[in-house]
Full PDB file with SEQRES, HELIX, SHEET, SSBOND, CRYST1, ORIGX, SCALE, CONECT and MASTER records, all heavy atoms in Angstrom:
SEQRES   1 A   43  TRP LEU ARG GLN VAL PRO GLU LYS GLU ARG GLU PHE VAL          
SEQRES   2 A   43  ALA ALA ILE SER TRP SER GLY GLY SER THR TYR TYR LYS          
SEQRES   3 A   43  ASP SER VAL LYS GLY ARG PHE THR ILE SER ARG ASP ASN          
SEQRES   4 A   43  ALA LYS ASN THR                                              
HELIX    1 AA1 ASP A   27  VAL A   29  5                                   3    
SHEET    1 AA1 2 ALA A  14  ILE A  16  0                                        
SHEET    2 AA1 2 THR A  23  TYR A  25 -1                                        
CRYST1    1.000    1.000    1.000  90.00  90.00  90.00 P 1           1          
ORIGX1      1.000000  0.000000  0.000000        0.00000                         
ORIGX2      0.000000  1.000000  0.000000        0.00000                         
ORIGX3      0.000000  0.000000  1.000000        0.00000                         
SCALE1      1.000000  0.000000  0.000000        0.00000                         
SCALE2      0.000000  1.000000  0.000000        0.00000                         
SCALE3      0.000000  0.000000  1.000000        0.00000                         
ATOM      1  N   TRP A   1      81.764  79.556  67.320  1.00  0.00           N  
ATOM      2  CA  TRP A   1      83.068  79.947  66.821  1.00  0.00           C  
ATOM      3  C   TRP A   1      83.335  81.410  67.101  1.00  0.00           C  
ATOM      4  O   TRP A   1      82.430  82.249  66.910  1.00  0.00           O  
ATOM      5  CB  TRP A   1      83.196  79.696  65.323  1.00  0.00           C  
ATOM      6  CG  TRP A   1      83.113  78.242  64.941  1.00  0.00           C  
ATOM      7  CD1 TRP A   1      81.990  77.528  64.640  1.00  0.00           C  
ATOM      8  CD2 TRP A   1      84.211  77.326  64.861  1.00  0.00           C  
ATOM      9  NE1 TRP A   1      82.310  76.235  64.352  1.00  0.00           N  
ATOM     10  CE2 TRP A   1      83.659  76.067  64.492  1.00  0.00           C  
ATOM     11  CE3 TRP A   1      85.576  77.439  65.054  1.00  0.00           C  
ATOM     12  CZ2 TRP A   1      84.463  74.945  64.304  1.00  0.00           C  
ATOM     13  CZ3 TRP A   1      86.374  76.305  64.881  1.00  0.00           C  
ATOM     14  CH2 TRP A   1      85.819  75.086  64.512  1.00  0.00           C  
ATOM     15  N   LEU A   2      84.555  81.726  67.522  1.00  0.00           N  
ATOM     16  CA  LEU A   2      85.019  83.092  67.710  1.00  0.00           C  
ATOM     17  C   LEU A   2      86.263  83.257  66.822  1.00  0.00           C  
ATOM     18  O   LEU A   2      86.873  82.275  66.432  1.00  0.00           O  
ATOM     19  CB  LEU A   2      85.409  83.350  69.171  1.00  0.00           C  
ATOM     20  CG  LEU A   2      84.362  83.002  70.241  1.00  0.00           C  
ATOM     21  CD1 LEU A   2      84.964  83.206  71.624  1.00  0.00           C  
ATOM     22  CD2 LEU A   2      83.118  83.845  70.076  1.00  0.00           C  
ATOM     23  N   ARG A   3      86.645  84.486  66.531  1.00  0.00           N  
ATOM     24  CA  ARG A   3      87.866  84.709  65.775  1.00  0.00           C  
ATOM     25  C   ARG A   3      88.582  85.951  66.273  1.00  0.00           C  
ATOM     26  O   ARG A   3      87.965  86.860  66.844  1.00  0.00           O  
ATOM     27  CB  ARG A   3      87.575  84.806  64.257  1.00  0.00           C  
ATOM     28  CG  ARG A   3      86.798  86.032  63.837  1.00  0.00           C  
ATOM     29  CD  ARG A   3      86.457  85.940  62.350  1.00  0.00           C  
ATOM     30  NE  ARG A   3      85.781  87.140  61.880  1.00  0.00           N  
ATOM     31  CZ  ARG A   3      85.240  87.266  60.664  1.00  0.00           C  
ATOM     32  NH1 ARG A   3      85.317  86.260  59.794  1.00  0.00           N  
ATOM     33  NH2 ARG A   3      84.636  88.397  60.328  1.00  0.00           N  
ATOM     34  N   GLN A   4      89.884  86.003  66.004  1.00  0.00           N  
ATOM     35  CA  GLN A   4      90.692  87.115  66.462  1.00  0.00           C  
ATOM     36  C   GLN A   4      91.892  87.347  65.554  1.00  0.00           C  
ATOM     37  O   GLN A   4      92.515  86.400  65.079  1.00  0.00           O  
ATOM     38  CB  GLN A   4      91.169  86.870  67.902  1.00  0.00           C  
ATOM     39  CG  GLN A   4      91.869  88.043  68.541  1.00  0.00           C  
ATOM     40  CD  GLN A   4      92.138  87.814  70.006  1.00  0.00           C  
ATOM     41  OE1 GLN A   4      92.275  86.669  70.459  1.00  0.00           O  
ATOM     42  NE2 GLN A   4      92.210  88.887  70.780  1.00  0.00           N  
ATOM     43  N   VAL A   5      92.204  88.612  65.317  1.00  0.00           N  
ATOM     44  CA  VAL A   5      93.394  89.001  64.568  1.00  0.00           C  
ATOM     45  C   VAL A   5      94.301  89.776  65.528  1.00  0.00           C  
ATOM     46  O   VAL A   5      93.810  90.330  66.522  1.00  0.00           O  
ATOM     47  CB  VAL A   5      93.065  89.852  63.329  1.00  0.00           C  
ATOM     48  CG1 VAL A   5      92.206  89.049  62.356  1.00  0.00           C  
ATOM     49  CG2 VAL A   5      92.355  91.129  63.715  1.00  0.00           C  
ATOM     50  N   PRO A   6      95.607  89.852  65.268  1.00  0.00           N  
ATOM     51  CA  PRO A   6      96.523  90.554  66.173  1.00  0.00           C  
ATOM     52  C   PRO A   6      96.099  91.999  66.426  1.00  0.00           C  
ATOM     53  O   PRO A   6      95.692  92.709  65.512  1.00  0.00           O  
ATOM     54  CB  PRO A   6      97.859  90.483  65.430  1.00  0.00           C  
ATOM     55  CG  PRO A   6      97.761  89.229  64.616  1.00  0.00           C  
ATOM     56  CD  PRO A   6      96.333  89.186  64.171  1.00  0.00           C  
ATOM     57  N   GLU A   7      96.175  92.405  67.674  1.00  0.00           N  
ATOM     58  CA  GLU A   7      95.880  93.776  68.113  1.00  0.00           C  
ATOM     59  C   GLU A   7      94.434  94.189  67.911  1.00  0.00           C  
ATOM     60  O   GLU A   7      94.116  95.369  67.954  1.00  0.00           O  
ATOM     61  CB  GLU A   7      96.831  94.765  67.435  1.00  0.00           C  
ATOM     62  CG  GLU A   7      98.287  94.495  67.714  1.00  0.00           C  
ATOM     63  CD  GLU A   7      99.205  95.499  67.079  1.00  0.00           C  
ATOM     64  OE1 GLU A   7      98.713  96.367  66.313  1.00  0.00           O  
ATOM     65  OE2 GLU A   7     100.419  95.433  67.340  1.00  0.00           O  
ATOM     66  N   LYS A   8      93.554  93.218  67.698  1.00  0.00           N  
ATOM     67  CA  LYS A   8      92.138  93.527  67.590  1.00  0.00           C  
ATOM     68  C   LYS A   8      91.358  92.645  68.573  1.00  0.00           C  
ATOM     69  O   LYS A   8      91.814  91.589  68.997  1.00  0.00           O  
ATOM     70  CB  LYS A   8      91.623  93.303  66.175  1.00  0.00           C  
ATOM     71  CG  LYS A   8      92.180  94.306  65.169  1.00  0.00           C  
ATOM     72  CD  LYS A   8      91.498  94.169  63.826  1.00  0.00           C  
ATOM     73  CE  LYS A   8      92.011  95.219  62.858  1.00  0.00           C  
ATOM     74  NZ  LYS A   8      91.352  95.110  61.538  1.00  0.00           N  
ATOM     75  N   GLU A   9      90.171  93.113  68.917  1.00  0.00           N  
ATOM     76  CA  GLU A   9      89.333  92.410  69.881  1.00  0.00           C  
ATOM     77  C   GLU A   9      88.763  91.131  69.284  1.00  0.00           C  
ATOM     78  O   GLU A   9      88.392  91.075  68.117  1.00  0.00           O  
ATOM     79  CB  GLU A   9      88.211  93.346  70.338  1.00  0.00           C  
ATOM     80  CG  GLU A   9      87.435  92.803  71.514  1.00  0.00           C  
ATOM     81  CD  GLU A   9      86.459  93.840  72.064  1.00  0.00           C  
ATOM     82  OE1 GLU A   9      86.853  94.628  72.920  1.00  0.00           O  
ATOM     83  OE2 GLU A   9      85.301  93.845  71.598  1.00  0.00           O  
ATOM     84  N   ARG A  10      88.692  90.109  70.106  1.00  0.00           N  
ATOM     85  CA  ARG A  10      88.086  88.849  69.711  1.00  0.00           C  
ATOM     86  C   ARG A  10      86.620  89.098  69.380  1.00  0.00           C  
ATOM     87  O   ARG A  10      85.929  89.855  70.071  1.00  0.00           O  
ATOM     88  CB  ARG A  10      88.219  87.849  70.853  1.00  0.00           C  
ATOM     89  CG  ARG A  10      87.780  86.445  70.568  1.00  0.00           C  
ATOM     90  CD  ARG A  10      88.365  85.497  71.594  1.00  0.00           C  
ATOM     91  NE  ARG A  10      88.298  86.030  72.930  1.00  0.00           N  
ATOM     92  CZ  ARG A  10      88.991  85.579  73.968  1.00  0.00           C  
ATOM     93  NH1 ARG A  10      89.822  84.546  73.802  1.00  0.00           N  
ATOM     94  NH2 ARG A  10      88.872  86.119  75.158  1.00  0.00           N  
ATOM     95  N   GLU A  11      86.102  88.469  68.308  1.00  0.00           N  
ATOM     96  CA  GLU A  11      84.745  88.720  67.901  1.00  0.00           C  
ATOM     97  C   GLU A  11      83.967  87.423  67.680  1.00  0.00           C  
ATOM     98  O   GLU A  11      84.520  86.380  67.342  1.00  0.00           O  
ATOM     99  CB  GLU A  11      84.671  89.577  66.660  1.00  0.00           C  
ATOM    100  CG  GLU A  11      85.273  88.944  65.393  1.00  0.00           C  
ATOM    101  CD  GLU A  11      85.173  89.861  64.202  1.00  0.00           C  
ATOM    102  OE1 GLU A  11      84.799  91.035  64.351  1.00  0.00           O  
ATOM    103  OE2 GLU A  11      85.494  89.395  63.086  1.00  0.00           O  
ATOM    104  N   PHE A  12      82.678  87.521  67.882  1.00  0.00           N  
ATOM    105  CA  PHE A  12      81.762  86.408  67.676  1.00  0.00           C  
ATOM    106  C   PHE A  12      81.555  86.153  66.186  1.00  0.00           C  
ATOM    107  O   PHE A  12      81.449  87.086  65.405  1.00  0.00           O  
ATOM    108  CB  PHE A  12      80.422  86.736  68.329  1.00  0.00           C  
ATOM    109  CG  PHE A  12      79.291  85.855  67.903  1.00  0.00           C  
ATOM    110  CD1 PHE A  12      79.184  84.567  68.383  1.00  0.00           C  
ATOM    111  CD2 PHE A  12      78.343  86.322  67.015  1.00  0.00           C  
ATOM    112  CE1 PHE A  12      78.141  83.746  68.005  1.00  0.00           C  
ATOM    113  CE2 PHE A  12      77.286  85.514  66.623  1.00  0.00           C  
ATOM    114  CZ  PHE A  12      77.187  84.219  67.116  1.00  0.00           C  
ATOM    115  N   VAL A  13      81.513  84.886  65.797  1.00  0.00           N  
ATOM    116  CA  VAL A  13      81.288  84.503  64.401  1.00  0.00           C  
ATOM    117  C   VAL A  13      79.954  83.778  64.240  1.00  0.00           C  
ATOM    118  O   VAL A  13      79.121  84.156  63.436  1.00  0.00           O  
ATOM    119  CB  VAL A  13      82.427  83.628  63.854  1.00  0.00           C  
ATOM    120  CG1 VAL A  13      82.128  83.193  62.419  1.00  0.00           C  
ATOM    121  CG2 VAL A  13      83.747  84.369  63.934  1.00  0.00           C  
ATOM    122  N   ALA A  14      79.767  82.693  65.000  1.00  0.00           N  
ATOM    123  CA  ALA A  14      78.552  81.893  64.866  1.00  0.00           C  
ATOM    124  C   ALA A  14      78.341  81.053  66.110  1.00  0.00           C  
ATOM    125  O   ALA A  14      79.284  80.733  66.842  1.00  0.00           O  
ATOM    126  CB  ALA A  14      78.637  80.988  63.631  1.00  0.00           C  
ATOM    127  N   ALA A  15      77.094  80.658  66.360  1.00  0.00           N  
ATOM    128  CA  ALA A  15      76.775  79.799  67.497  1.00  0.00           C  
ATOM    129  C   ALA A  15      75.612  78.894  67.131  1.00  0.00           C  
ATOM    130  O   ALA A  15      74.831  79.184  66.223  1.00  0.00           O  
ATOM    131  CB  ALA A  15      76.418  80.620  68.723  1.00  0.00           C  
ATOM    132  N   ILE A  16      75.495  77.779  67.860  1.00  0.00           N  
ATOM    133  CA  ILE A  16      74.436  76.804  67.613  1.00  0.00           C  
ATOM    134  C   ILE A  16      73.988  76.215  68.939  1.00  0.00           C  
ATOM    135  O   ILE A  16      74.783  75.967  69.836  1.00  0.00           O  
ATOM    136  CB  ILE A  16      74.939  75.713  66.637  1.00  0.00           C  
ATOM    137  CG1 ILE A  16      73.783  74.788  66.229  1.00  0.00           C  
ATOM    138  CG2 ILE A  16      76.082  74.913  67.244  1.00  0.00           C  
ATOM    139  CD1 ILE A  16      74.143  73.879  65.051  1.00  0.00           C  
ATOM    140  N   SER A  17      72.671  75.997  69.069  1.00  0.00           N  
ATOM    141  CA  SER A  17      72.139  75.409  70.297  1.00  0.00           C  
ATOM    142  C   SER A  17      72.512  73.946  70.402  1.00  0.00           C  
ATOM    143  O   SER A  17      72.988  73.324  69.450  1.00  0.00           O  
ATOM    144  CB  SER A  17      70.614  75.556  70.313  1.00  0.00           C  
ATOM    145  OG  SER A  17      70.033  74.850  69.223  1.00  0.00           O  
ATOM    146  N   TRP A  18      72.314  73.369  71.583  1.00  0.00           N  
ATOM    147  CA  TRP A  18      72.681  71.969  71.807  1.00  0.00           C  
ATOM    148  C   TRP A  18      71.987  71.027  70.827  1.00  0.00           C  
ATOM    149  O   TRP A  18      72.611  70.093  70.309  1.00  0.00           O  
ATOM    150  CB  TRP A  18      72.323  71.562  73.248  1.00  0.00           C  
ATOM    151  CG  TRP A  18      72.498  70.101  73.509  1.00  0.00           C  
ATOM    152  CD1 TRP A  18      73.674  69.451  73.737  1.00  0.00           C  
ATOM    153  CD2 TRP A  18      71.477  69.110  73.572  1.00  0.00           C  
ATOM    154  NE1 TRP A  18      73.453  68.105  73.933  1.00  0.00           N  
ATOM    155  CE2 TRP A  18      72.119  67.862  73.849  1.00  0.00           C  
ATOM    156  CE3 TRP A  18      70.102  69.131  73.436  1.00  0.00           C  
ATOM    157  CZ2 TRP A  18      71.409  66.675  73.975  1.00  0.00           C  
ATOM    158  CZ3 TRP A  18      69.390  67.940  73.579  1.00  0.00           C  
ATOM    159  CH2 TRP A  18      70.040  66.745  73.839  1.00  0.00           C  
ATOM    160  N   SER A  19      70.714  71.271  70.547  1.00  0.00           N  
ATOM    161  CA  SER A  19      69.947  70.406  69.636  1.00  0.00           C  
ATOM    162  C   SER A  19      70.281  70.667  68.176  1.00  0.00           C  
ATOM    163  O   SER A  19      69.948  69.856  67.316  1.00  0.00           O  
ATOM    164  CB  SER A  19      68.462  70.597  69.869  1.00  0.00           C  
ATOM    165  OG  SER A  19      68.048  71.896  69.472  1.00  0.00           O  
ATOM    166  N   GLY A  20      70.888  71.806  67.884  1.00  0.00           N  
ATOM    167  CA  GLY A  20      71.151  72.198  66.530  1.00  0.00           C  
ATOM    168  C   GLY A  20      69.999  72.920  65.872  1.00  0.00           C  
ATOM    169  O   GLY A  20      70.093  73.315  64.694  1.00  0.00           O  
ATOM    170  N   GLY A  21      68.922  73.135  66.605  1.00  0.00           N  
ATOM    171  CA  GLY A  21      67.734  73.738  66.043  1.00  0.00           C  
ATOM    172  C   GLY A  21      67.798  75.247  65.872  1.00  0.00           C  
ATOM    173  O   GLY A  21      67.020  75.799  65.107  1.00  0.00           O  
ATOM    174  N   SER A  22      68.706  75.891  66.574  1.00  0.00           N  
ATOM    175  CA  SER A  22      68.827  77.341  66.493  1.00  0.00           C  
ATOM    176  C   SER A  22      70.272  77.724  66.179  1.00  0.00           C  
ATOM    177  O   SER A  22      71.197  77.209  66.786  1.00  0.00           O  
ATOM    178  CB  SER A  22      68.404  77.996  67.817  1.00  0.00           C  
ATOM    179  OG  SER A  22      67.061  77.709  68.121  1.00  0.00           O  
ATOM    180  N   THR A  23      70.433  78.624  65.216  1.00  0.00           N  
ATOM    181  CA  THR A  23      71.767  79.101  64.842  1.00  0.00           C  
ATOM    182  C   THR A  23      71.814  80.614  64.847  1.00  0.00           C  
ATOM    183  O   THR A  23      70.800  81.277  64.629  1.00  0.00           O  
ATOM    184  CB  THR A  23      72.192  78.588  63.462  1.00  0.00           C  
ATOM    185  OG1 THR A  23      71.209  78.989  62.495  1.00  0.00           O  
ATOM    186  CG2 THR A  23      72.293  77.064  63.472  1.00  0.00           C  
ATOM    187  N   TYR A  24      73.010  81.168  65.054  1.00  0.00           N  
ATOM    188  CA  TYR A  24      73.210  82.608  65.160  1.00  0.00           C  
ATOM    189  C   TYR A  24      74.503  82.962  64.439  1.00  0.00           C  
ATOM    190  O   TYR A  24      75.493  82.244  64.549  1.00  0.00           O  
ATOM    191  CB  TYR A  24      73.286  83.049  66.619  1.00  0.00           C  
ATOM    192  CG  TYR A  24      72.132  82.523  67.450  1.00  0.00           C  
ATOM    193  CD1 TYR A  24      72.161  81.256  67.999  1.00  0.00           C  
ATOM    194  CD2 TYR A  24      71.012  83.308  67.678  1.00  0.00           C  
ATOM    195  CE1 TYR A  24      71.107  80.758  68.742  1.00  0.00           C  
ATOM    196  CE2 TYR A  24      69.940  82.838  68.435  1.00  0.00           C  
ATOM    197  CZ  TYR A  24      69.991  81.564  68.959  1.00  0.00           C  
ATOM    198  OH  TYR A  24      68.941  81.086  69.703  1.00  0.00           O  
ATOM    199  N   TYR A  25      74.493  84.090  63.713  1.00  0.00           N  
ATOM    200  CA  TYR A  25      75.655  84.496  62.943  1.00  0.00           C  
ATOM    201  C   TYR A  25      75.956  85.971  63.059  1.00  0.00           C  
ATOM    202  O   TYR A  25      75.063  86.799  63.225  1.00  0.00           O  
ATOM    203  CB  TYR A  25      75.446  84.189  61.456  1.00  0.00           C  
ATOM    204  CG  TYR A  25      75.266  82.734  61.113  1.00  0.00           C  
ATOM    205  CD1 TYR A  25      74.003  82.167  61.020  1.00  0.00           C  
ATOM    206  CD2 TYR A  25      76.378  81.940  60.872  1.00  0.00           C  
ATOM    207  CE1 TYR A  25      73.842  80.839  60.697  1.00  0.00           C  
ATOM    208  CE2 TYR A  25      76.224  80.596  60.548  1.00  0.00           C  
ATOM    209  CZ  TYR A  25      74.965  80.043  60.455  1.00  0.00           C  
ATOM    210  OH  TYR A  25      74.809  78.719  60.133  1.00  0.00           O  
ATOM    211  N   LYS A  26      77.239  86.288  62.960  1.00  0.00           N  
ATOM    212  CA  LYS A  26      77.663  87.653  62.810  1.00  0.00           C  
ATOM    213  C   LYS A  26      77.129  88.151  61.468  1.00  0.00           C  
ATOM    214  O   LYS A  26      77.141  87.391  60.480  1.00  0.00           O  
ATOM    215  CB  LYS A  26      79.187  87.735  62.837  1.00  0.00           C  
ATOM    216  CG  LYS A  26      79.775  89.106  62.620  1.00  0.00           C  
ATOM    217  CD  LYS A  26      81.300  89.043  62.650  1.00  0.00           C  
ATOM    218  CE  LYS A  26      81.934  90.383  62.322  1.00  0.00           C  
ATOM    219  NZ  LYS A  26      81.610  91.396  63.367  1.00  0.00           N  
ATOM    220  N   ASP A  27      76.664  89.390  61.389  1.00  0.00           N  
ATOM    221  CA  ASP A  27      76.032  89.898  60.185  1.00  0.00           C  
ATOM    222  C   ASP A  27      76.916  89.751  58.944  1.00  0.00           C  
ATOM    223  O   ASP A  27      76.425  89.420  57.867  1.00  0.00           O  
ATOM    224  CB  ASP A  27      75.663  91.375  60.361  1.00  0.00           C  
ATOM    225  CG  ASP A  27      74.460  91.564  61.275  1.00  0.00           C  
ATOM    226  OD1 ASP A  27      73.730  90.579  61.537  1.00  0.00           O  
ATOM    227  OD2 ASP A  27      74.250  92.700  61.719  1.00  0.00           O  
ATOM    228  N   SER A  28      78.200  89.972  59.068  1.00  0.00           N  
ATOM    229  CA  SER A  28      79.094  89.963  57.916  1.00  0.00           C  
ATOM    230  C   SER A  28      79.330  88.579  57.325  1.00  0.00           C  
ATOM    231  O   SER A  28      79.865  88.457  56.217  1.00  0.00           O  
ATOM    232  CB  SER A  28      80.431  90.605  58.286  1.00  0.00           C  
ATOM    233  OG  SER A  28      81.099  89.868  59.280  1.00  0.00           O  
ATOM    234  N   VAL A  29      78.940  87.490  58.031  1.00  0.00           N  
ATOM    235  CA  VAL A  29      79.150  86.158  57.498  1.00  0.00           C  
ATOM    236  C   VAL A  29      77.842  85.472  57.120  1.00  0.00           C  
ATOM    237  O   VAL A  29      77.870  84.361  56.575  1.00  0.00           O  
ATOM    238  CB  VAL A  29      79.924  85.265  58.499  1.00  0.00           C  
ATOM    239  CG1 VAL A  29      81.203  85.956  58.944  1.00  0.00           C  
ATOM    240  CG2 VAL A  29      79.061  84.866  59.693  1.00  0.00           C  
ATOM    241  N   LYS A  30      76.722  86.104  57.355  1.00  0.00           N  
ATOM    242  CA  LYS A  30      75.437  85.524  57.007  1.00  0.00           C  
ATOM    243  C   LYS A  30      75.356  85.263  55.503  1.00  0.00           C  
ATOM    244  O   LYS A  30      75.701  86.110  54.700  1.00  0.00           O  
ATOM    245  CB  LYS A  30      74.286  86.429  57.438  1.00  0.00           C  
ATOM    246  CG  LYS A  30      74.087  86.504  58.933  1.00  0.00           C  
ATOM    247  CD  LYS A  30      72.926  87.435  59.284  1.00  0.00           C  
ATOM    248  CE  LYS A  30      72.697  87.486  60.781  1.00  0.00           C  
ATOM    249  NZ  LYS A  30      71.616  88.423  61.156  1.00  0.00           N  
ATOM    250  N   GLY A  31      74.892  84.065  55.151  1.00  0.00           N  
ATOM    251  CA  GLY A  31      74.788  83.688  53.755  1.00  0.00           C  
ATOM    252  C   GLY A  31      76.043  83.087  53.201  1.00  0.00           C  
ATOM    253  O   GLY A  31      76.027  82.507  52.103  1.00  0.00           O  
ATOM    254  N   ARG A  32      77.160  83.195  53.940  1.00  0.00           N  
ATOM    255  CA  ARG A  32      78.436  82.627  53.484  1.00  0.00           C  
ATOM    256  C   ARG A  32      78.908  81.483  54.387  1.00  0.00           C  
ATOM    257  O   ARG A  32      79.481  80.516  53.887  1.00  0.00           O  
ATOM    258  CB  ARG A  32      79.522  83.704  53.450  1.00  0.00           C  
ATOM    259  CG  ARG A  32      79.221  84.862  52.497  1.00  0.00           C  
ATOM    260  CD  ARG A  32      80.416  85.783  52.342  1.00  0.00           C  
ATOM    261  NE  ARG A  32      80.798  86.433  53.603  1.00  0.00           N  
ATOM    262  CZ  ARG A  32      81.971  86.275  54.194  1.00  0.00           C  
ATOM    263  NH1 ARG A  32      82.895  85.496  53.657  1.00  0.00           N  
ATOM    264  NH2 ARG A  32      82.222  86.924  55.346  1.00  0.00           N  
ATOM    265  N   PHE A  33      78.682  81.600  55.686  1.00  0.00           N  
ATOM    266  CA  PHE A  33      79.111  80.582  56.645  1.00  0.00           C  
ATOM    267  C   PHE A  33      77.913  79.784  57.135  1.00  0.00           C  
ATOM    268  O   PHE A  33      76.813  80.322  57.291  1.00  0.00           O  
ATOM    269  CB  PHE A  33      79.783  81.240  57.868  1.00  0.00           C  
ATOM    270  CG  PHE A  33      81.108  81.874  57.602  1.00  0.00           C  
ATOM    271  CD1 PHE A  33      81.587  82.070  56.308  1.00  0.00           C  
ATOM    272  CD2 PHE A  33      81.888  82.293  58.667  1.00  0.00           C  
ATOM    273  CE1 PHE A  33      82.813  82.670  56.067  1.00  0.00           C  
ATOM    274  CE2 PHE A  33      83.112  82.899  58.447  1.00  0.00           C  
ATOM    275  CZ  PHE A  33      83.574  83.079  57.157  1.00  0.00           C  
ATOM    276  N   THR A  34      78.126  78.495  57.431  1.00  0.00           N  
ATOM    277  CA  THR A  34      77.104  77.650  57.987  1.00  0.00           C  
ATOM    278  C   THR A  34      77.682  76.863  59.162  1.00  0.00           C  
ATOM    279  O   THR A  34      78.670  76.143  58.993  1.00  0.00           O  
ATOM    280  CB  THR A  34      76.560  76.665  56.954  1.00  0.00           C  
ATOM    281  OG1 THR A  34      76.013  77.392  55.838  1.00  0.00           O  
ATOM    282  CG2 THR A  34      75.444  75.816  57.556  1.00  0.00           C  
ATOM    283  N   ILE A  35      77.052  76.971  60.329  1.00  0.00           N  
ATOM    284  CA  ILE A  35      77.488  76.228  61.506  1.00  0.00           C  
ATOM    285  C   ILE A  35      76.596  75.006  61.685  1.00  0.00           C  
ATOM    286  O   ILE A  35      75.383  75.066  61.438  1.00  0.00           O  
ATOM    287  CB  ILE A  35      77.471  77.126  62.763  1.00  0.00           C  
ATOM    288  CG1 ILE A  35      78.128  76.398  63.960  1.00  0.00           C  
ATOM    289  CG2 ILE A  35      76.058  77.573  63.107  1.00  0.00           C  
ATOM    290  CD1 ILE A  35      78.328  77.280  65.181  1.00  0.00           C  
ATOM    291  N   SER A  36      77.186  73.896  62.100  1.00  0.00           N  
ATOM    292  CA  SER A  36      76.430  72.678  62.338  1.00  0.00           C  
ATOM    293  C   SER A  36      77.140  71.843  63.392  1.00  0.00           C  
ATOM    294  O   SER A  36      78.292  72.109  63.739  1.00  0.00           O  
ATOM    295  CB  SER A  36      76.252  71.869  61.049  1.00  0.00           C  
ATOM    296  OG  SER A  36      77.502  71.469  60.522  1.00  0.00           O  
ATOM    297  N   ARG A  37      76.458  70.841  63.939  1.00  0.00           N  
ATOM    298  CA  ARG A  37      77.080  69.966  64.924  1.00  0.00           C  
ATOM    299  C   ARG A  37      76.537  68.557  64.803  1.00  0.00           C  
ATOM    300  O   ARG A  37      75.405  68.332  64.361  1.00  0.00           O  
ATOM    301  CB  ARG A  37      76.851  70.512  66.344  1.00  0.00           C  
ATOM    302  CG  ARG A  37      75.407  70.494  66.813  1.00  0.00           C  
ATOM    303  CD  ARG A  37      75.231  71.268  68.114  1.00  0.00           C  
ATOM    304  NE  ARG A  37      75.946  70.666  69.216  1.00  0.00           N  
ATOM    305  CZ  ARG A  37      76.119  71.242  70.404  1.00  0.00           C  
ATOM    306  NH1 ARG A  37      75.620  72.467  70.624  1.00  0.00           N  
ATOM    307  NH2 ARG A  37      76.785  70.627  71.372  1.00  0.00           N  
ATOM    308  N   ASP A  38      77.357  67.597  65.225  1.00  0.00           N  
ATOM    309  CA  ASP A  38      76.981  66.184  65.254  1.00  0.00           C  
ATOM    310  C   ASP A  38      77.247  65.715  66.675  1.00  0.00           C  
ATOM    311  O   ASP A  38      78.383  65.393  67.038  1.00  0.00           O  
ATOM    312  CB  ASP A  38      77.792  65.376  64.248  1.00  0.00           C  
ATOM    313  CG  ASP A  38      77.337  63.938  64.145  1.00  0.00           C  
ATOM    314  OD1 ASP A  38      76.714  63.423  65.096  1.00  0.00           O  
ATOM    315  OD2 ASP A  38      77.591  63.300  63.103  1.00  0.00           O  
ATOM    316  N   ASN A  39      76.219  65.691  67.505  1.00  0.00           N  
ATOM    317  CA  ASN A  39      76.391  65.358  68.911  1.00  0.00           C  
ATOM    318  C   ASN A  39      76.842  63.900  69.127  1.00  0.00           C  
ATOM    319  O   ASN A  39      77.531  63.611  70.089  1.00  0.00           O  
ATOM    320  CB  ASN A  39      75.088  65.617  69.680  1.00  0.00           C  
ATOM    321  CG  ASN A  39      74.789  67.086  69.843  1.00  0.00           C  
ATOM    322  OD1 ASN A  39      75.656  67.937  69.619  1.00  0.00           O  
ATOM    323  ND2 ASN A  39      73.574  67.404  70.236  1.00  0.00           N  
ATOM    324  N   ALA A  40      76.445  63.018  68.223  1.00  0.00           N  
ATOM    325  CA  ALA A  40      76.866  61.621  68.328  1.00  0.00           C  
ATOM    326  C   ALA A  40      78.382  61.492  68.189  1.00  0.00           C  
ATOM    327  O   ALA A  40      78.991  60.578  68.746  1.00  0.00           O  
ATOM    328  CB  ALA A  40      76.172  60.765  67.291  1.00  0.00           C  
ATOM    329  N   LYS A  41      78.972  62.399  67.421  1.00  0.00           N  
ATOM    330  CA  LYS A  41      80.434  62.393  67.207  1.00  0.00           C  
ATOM    331  C   LYS A  41      81.147  63.455  68.043  1.00  0.00           C  
ATOM    332  O   LYS A  41      82.357  63.585  67.945  1.00  0.00           O  
ATOM    333  CB  LYS A  41      80.748  62.622  65.739  1.00  0.00           C  
ATOM    334  CG  LYS A  41      80.232  61.520  64.817  1.00  0.00           C  
ATOM    335  CD  LYS A  41      80.608  61.803  63.372  1.00  0.00           C  
ATOM    336  CE  LYS A  41      80.127  60.698  62.454  1.00  0.00           C  
ATOM    337  NZ  LYS A  41      80.473  60.967  61.044  1.00  0.00           N  
ATOM    338  N   ASN A  42      80.384  64.197  68.832  1.00  0.00           N  
ATOM    339  CA  ASN A  42      80.963  65.281  69.657  1.00  0.00           C  
ATOM    340  C   ASN A  42      81.794  66.235  68.794  1.00  0.00           C  
ATOM    341  O   ASN A  42      82.904  66.623  69.160  1.00  0.00           O  
ATOM    342  CB  ASN A  42      81.784  64.727  70.797  1.00  0.00           C  
ATOM    343  CG  ASN A  42      80.953  63.966  71.802  1.00  0.00           C  
ATOM    344  OD1 ASN A  42      79.859  64.368  72.143  1.00  0.00           O  
ATOM    345  ND2 ASN A  42      81.505  62.850  72.294  1.00  0.00           N  
ATOM    346  N   THR A  43      81.237  66.628  67.664  1.00  0.00           N  
ATOM    347  CA  THR A  43      81.972  67.441  66.708  1.00  0.00           C  
ATOM    348  C   THR A  43      81.157  68.644  66.249  1.00  0.00           C  
ATOM    349  O   THR A  43      79.970  68.524  65.975  1.00  0.00           O  
ATOM    350  CB  THR A  43      82.399  66.623  65.495  1.00  0.00           C  
ATOM    351  OG1 THR A  43      83.183  65.503  65.936  1.00  0.00           O  
ATOM    352  CG2 THR A  43      83.247  67.444  64.543  1.00  0.00           C  
TER     353      THR A  43                                                      
MASTER        0    0    0    1    2    0    0    6  352    1    0    4          
END                                                                             
C-alpha cells in the first residue's frame, strides 16, 4: 500500500511478500496497521 495527499509526495505505507511470510511498514504506522493477503482469493 502507498498513500498520497494533495501537493505532497507519494509515500510507502506497508508491503508483504508473495507468501505472506514477510511484512514491512512505515515507522509511523507500526503497531497500528496490519497488512495481509489471501492468494486463493487474489485479495
